[in-house]
């Protein structure tokens, strides 16, 4: 197994209510909830796809199109049944397969990708 890509920074956040803190690390230009529960090769692929698609489409107006394109590409490359959520403000509670979950930000837009 390869080592994780080098991180640029670490950020911790909490809801301000004394609840658990979340740690984010900057990997390949994305702020990733750390540690991601996905192999390095899939992590790199997911972030690269998200970066490319957010350059091609406006996430504020075309988040659904980005999510659909990412899901299709992930299903083709890594096998079905991936799920992709893209947006600025959303809550989610998901159950994923082991080693098949990543949550990250590109700018103000969050991506929740799991299988």
C-alpha atoms as a PDB file:
ATOM      1  CA  UNK A   1       0.000   0.000   0.000  1.00  0.00           C
ATOM      2  CA  UNK A   2       1.307   3.407  -0.926  1.00  0.00           C
ATOM      3  CA  UNK A   3       1.636   6.131   1.654  1.00  0.00           C
ATOM      4  CA  UNK A   4      -0.904   8.941   1.750  1.00  0.00           C
ATOM      5  CA  UNK A   5      -0.153  11.944  -0.457  1.00  0.00           C
ATOM      6  CA  UNK A   6       1.666  14.691   1.381  1.00  0.00           C
ATOM      7  CA  UNK A   7      -0.604  17.072   3.278  1.00  0.00           C
ATOM      8  CA  UNK A   8      -0.392  20.838   3.131  1.00  0.00           C
ATOM      9  CA  UNK A   9      -2.318  21.676   6.291  1.00  0.00           C
ATOM     10  CA  UNK A  10      -4.468  20.319   9.079  1.00  0.00           C
ATOM     11  CA  UNK A  11      -7.707  21.897  10.286  1.00  0.00           C
ATOM     12  CA  UNK A  12      -9.998  20.779  13.085  1.00  0.00           C
ATOM     13  CA  UNK A  13     -13.606  21.826  13.473  1.00  0.00           C
ATOM     14  CA  UNK A  14     -16.411  21.135  15.907  1.00  0.00           C
ATOM     15  CA  UNK A  15     -20.014  22.204  16.244  1.00  0.00           C
ATOM     16  CA  UNK A  16     -19.033  24.420  19.170  1.00  0.00           C
ATOM     17  CA  UNK A  17     -21.096  22.324  21.568  1.00  0.00           C
ATOM     18  CA  UNK A  18     -18.188  20.290  22.893  1.00  0.00           C
ATOM     19  CA  UNK A  19     -19.011  17.481  20.463  1.00  0.00           C
ATOM     20  CA  UNK A  20     -16.424  15.469  18.589  1.00  0.00           C
ATOM     21  CA  UNK A  21     -13.907  17.347  16.514  1.00  0.00           C
ATOM     22  CA  UNK A  22     -13.428  16.608  12.853  1.00  0.00           C
ATOM     23  CA  UNK A  23      -9.964  16.761  11.379  1.00  0.00           C
ATOM     24  CA  UNK A  24      -9.390  17.841   7.788  1.00  0.00           C
ATOM     25  CA  UNK A  25      -6.144  17.603   5.856  1.00  0.00           C
ATOM     26  CA  UNK A  26      -5.398  19.237   2.552  1.00  0.00           C
ATOM     27  CA  UNK A  27      -4.612  16.563  -0.019  1.00  0.00           C
ATOM     28  CA  UNK A  28      -4.186  17.378  -3.707  1.00  0.00           C
ATOM     29  CA  UNK A  29      -5.932  20.726  -3.254  1.00  0.00           C
ATOM     30  CA  UNK A  30      -8.979  19.308  -1.419  1.00  0.00           C
ATOM     31  CA  UNK A  31      -9.757  19.539   2.317  1.00  0.00           C
ATOM     32  CA  UNK A  32     -10.368  15.875   3.151  1.00  0.00           C
ATOM     33  CA  UNK A  33     -12.071  14.579   6.307  1.00  0.00           C
ATOM     34  CA  UNK A  34      -9.228  12.624   7.825  1.00  0.00           C
ATOM     35  CA  UNK A  35      -8.589   9.789   7.773  1.00  0.00           C
ATOM     36  CA  UNK A  36     -10.461   8.945   4.577  1.00  0.00           C
ATOM     37  CA  UNK A  37     -11.877   5.431   4.454  1.00  0.00           C
ATOM     38  CA  UNK A  38     -10.831   4.747   0.881  1.00  0.00           C
ATOM     39  CA  UNK A  39      -7.631   3.400  -0.757  1.00  0.00           C
ATOM     40  CA  UNK A  40      -5.168   5.997  -2.009  1.00  0.00           C
ATOM     41  CA  UNK A  41      -5.718   5.257  -5.698  1.00  0.00           C
ATOM     42  CA  UNK A  42      -9.486   5.745  -5.388  1.00  0.00           C
ATOM     43  CA  UNK A  43      -8.985   8.874  -3.255  1.00  0.00           C
ATOM     44  CA  UNK A  44      -6.744  10.439  -5.895  1.00  0.00           C
ATOM     45  CA  UNK A  45      -9.159   9.488  -8.681  1.00  0.00           C
ATOM     46  CA  UNK A  46     -12.202  10.899  -6.847  1.00  0.00           C
ATOM     47  CA  UNK A  47     -10.490  14.229  -6.092  1.00  0.00           C
ATOM     48  CA  UNK A  48      -9.176  14.568  -9.653  1.00  0.00           C
ATOM     49  CA  UNK A  49     -12.648  13.874 -11.090  1.00  0.00           C
ATOM     50  CA  UNK A  50     -14.219  16.415  -8.736  1.00  0.00           C
ATOM     51  CA  UNK A  51     -11.629  19.055  -9.650  1.00  0.00           C
ATOM     52  CA  UNK A  52     -12.109  18.471 -13.381  1.00  0.00           C
ATOM     53  CA  UNK A  53     -15.909  18.519 -13.165  1.00  0.00           C
ATOM     54  CA  UNK A  54     -16.017  21.683 -11.022  1.00  0.00           C
ATOM     55  CA  UNK A  55     -13.861  23.386 -13.648  1.00  0.00           C
ATOM     56  CA  UNK A  56     -16.290  22.282 -16.380  1.00  0.00           C
ATOM     57  CA  UNK A  57     -19.529  22.997 -14.470  1.00  0.00           C
ATOM     58  CA  UNK A  58     -20.652  25.531 -11.863  1.00  0.00           C
ATOM     59  CA  UNK A  59     -21.300  23.515  -8.664  1.00  0.00           C
ATOM     60  CA  UNK A  60     -23.874  26.055  -7.440  1.00  0.00           C
ATOM     61  CA  UNK A  61     -26.060  25.621 -10.523  1.00  0.00           C
ATOM     62  CA  UNK A  62     -24.993  22.201 -11.783  1.00  0.00           C
ATOM     63  CA  UNK A  63     -24.229  20.191  -8.650  1.00  0.00           C
ATOM     64  CA  UNK A  64     -26.563  17.425  -9.751  1.00  0.00           C
ATOM     65  CA  UNK A  65     -24.812  17.179 -13.127  1.00  0.00           C
ATOM     66  CA  UNK A  66     -21.414  16.949 -11.378  1.00  0.00           C
ATOM     67  CA  UNK A  67     -22.698  14.251  -9.004  1.00  0.00           C
ATOM     68  CA  UNK A  68     -24.224  12.268 -11.869  1.00  0.00           C
ATOM     69  CA  UNK A  69     -21.057  12.440 -13.981  1.00  0.00           C
ATOM     70  CA  UNK A  70     -18.856  11.440 -11.024  1.00  0.00           C
ATOM     71  CA  UNK A  71     -21.131   8.520 -10.162  1.00  0.00           C
ATOM     72  CA  UNK A  72     -21.100   7.273 -13.756  1.00  0.00           C
ATOM     73  CA  UNK A  73     -17.295   7.530 -14.016  1.00  0.00           C
ATOM     74  CA  UNK A  74     -16.756   5.829 -10.638  1.00  0.00           C
ATOM     75  CA  UNK A  75     -19.170   3.014 -11.525  1.00  0.00           C
ATOM     76  CA  UNK A  76     -17.291   2.448 -14.793  1.00  0.00           C
ATOM     77  CA  UNK A  77     -13.822   2.444 -13.233  1.00  0.00           C
ATOM     78  CA  UNK A  78     -14.369   0.987  -9.751  1.00  0.00           C
ATOM     79  CA  UNK A  79     -17.559  -1.056 -10.187  1.00  0.00           C
ATOM     80  CA  UNK A  80     -21.151  -0.160  -9.327  1.00  0.00           C
ATOM     81  CA  UNK A  81     -22.945   1.265  -6.950  1.00  0.00           C
ATOM     82  CA  UNK A  82     -21.290   4.540  -6.007  1.00  0.00           C
ATOM     83  CA  UNK A  83     -23.224   7.449  -4.515  1.00  0.00           C
ATOM     84  CA  UNK A  84     -22.173  11.094  -4.848  1.00  0.00           C
ATOM     85  CA  UNK A  85     -23.560  14.144  -3.032  1.00  0.00           C
ATOM     86  CA  UNK A  86     -22.338  17.626  -3.986  1.00  0.00           C
ATOM     87  CA  UNK A  87     -23.312  20.945  -2.450  1.00  0.00           C
ATOM     88  CA  UNK A  88     -22.772  23.707   0.052  1.00  0.00           C
ATOM     89  CA  UNK A  89     -25.318  22.883   2.749  1.00  0.00           C
ATOM     90  CA  UNK A  90     -26.514  19.359   3.345  1.00  0.00           C
ATOM     91  CA  UNK A  91     -26.720  16.829   6.119  1.00  0.00           C
ATOM     92  CA  UNK A  92     -26.286  13.157   5.564  1.00  0.00           C
ATOM     93  CA  UNK A  93     -26.029   9.916   7.456  1.00  0.00           C
ATOM     94  CA  UNK A  94     -24.809   7.035   5.338  1.00  0.00           C
ATOM     95  CA  UNK A  95     -23.640   3.473   5.716  1.00  0.00           C
ATOM     96  CA  UNK A  96     -20.883   2.537   3.309  1.00  0.00           C
ATOM     97  CA  UNK A  97     -18.830  -0.472   2.379  1.00  0.00           C
ATOM     98  CA  UNK A  98     -15.473  -0.742   4.148  1.00  0.00           C
ATOM     99  CA  UNK A  99     -12.787   1.319   2.424  1.00  0.00           C
ATOM    100  CA  UNK A 100     -15.369   3.102   0.257  1.00  0.00           C
ATOM    101  CA  UNK A 101     -16.111   6.497   1.862  1.00  0.00           C
ATOM    102  CA  UNK A 102     -14.588   9.939   1.451  1.00  0.00           C
ATOM    103  CA  UNK A 103     -15.862  13.401   2.393  1.00  0.00           C
ATOM    104  CA  UNK A 104     -14.009  16.492   1.209  1.00  0.00           C
ATOM    105  CA  UNK A 105     -14.302  20.127   0.198  1.00  0.00           C
ATOM    106  CA  UNK A 106     -13.204  21.891  -2.950  1.00  0.00           C
ATOM    107  CA  UNK A 107     -13.542  25.535  -1.990  1.00  0.00           C
ATOM    108  CA  UNK A 108     -16.962  25.977  -0.364  1.00  0.00           C
ATOM    109  CA  UNK A 109     -18.446  22.872  -2.007  1.00  0.00           C
ATOM    110  CA  UNK A 110     -18.620  19.571  -0.129  1.00  0.00           C
ATOM    111  CA  UNK A 111     -18.428  16.149  -1.755  1.00  0.00           C
ATOM    112  CA  UNK A 112     -19.648  12.989  -0.044  1.00  0.00           C
ATOM    113  CA  UNK A 113     -18.652   9.931  -2.084  1.00  0.00           C
ATOM    114  CA  UNK A 114     -19.354   6.392  -0.936  1.00  0.00           C
ATOM    115  CA  UNK A 115     -20.225   2.902  -2.053  1.00  0.00           C
END
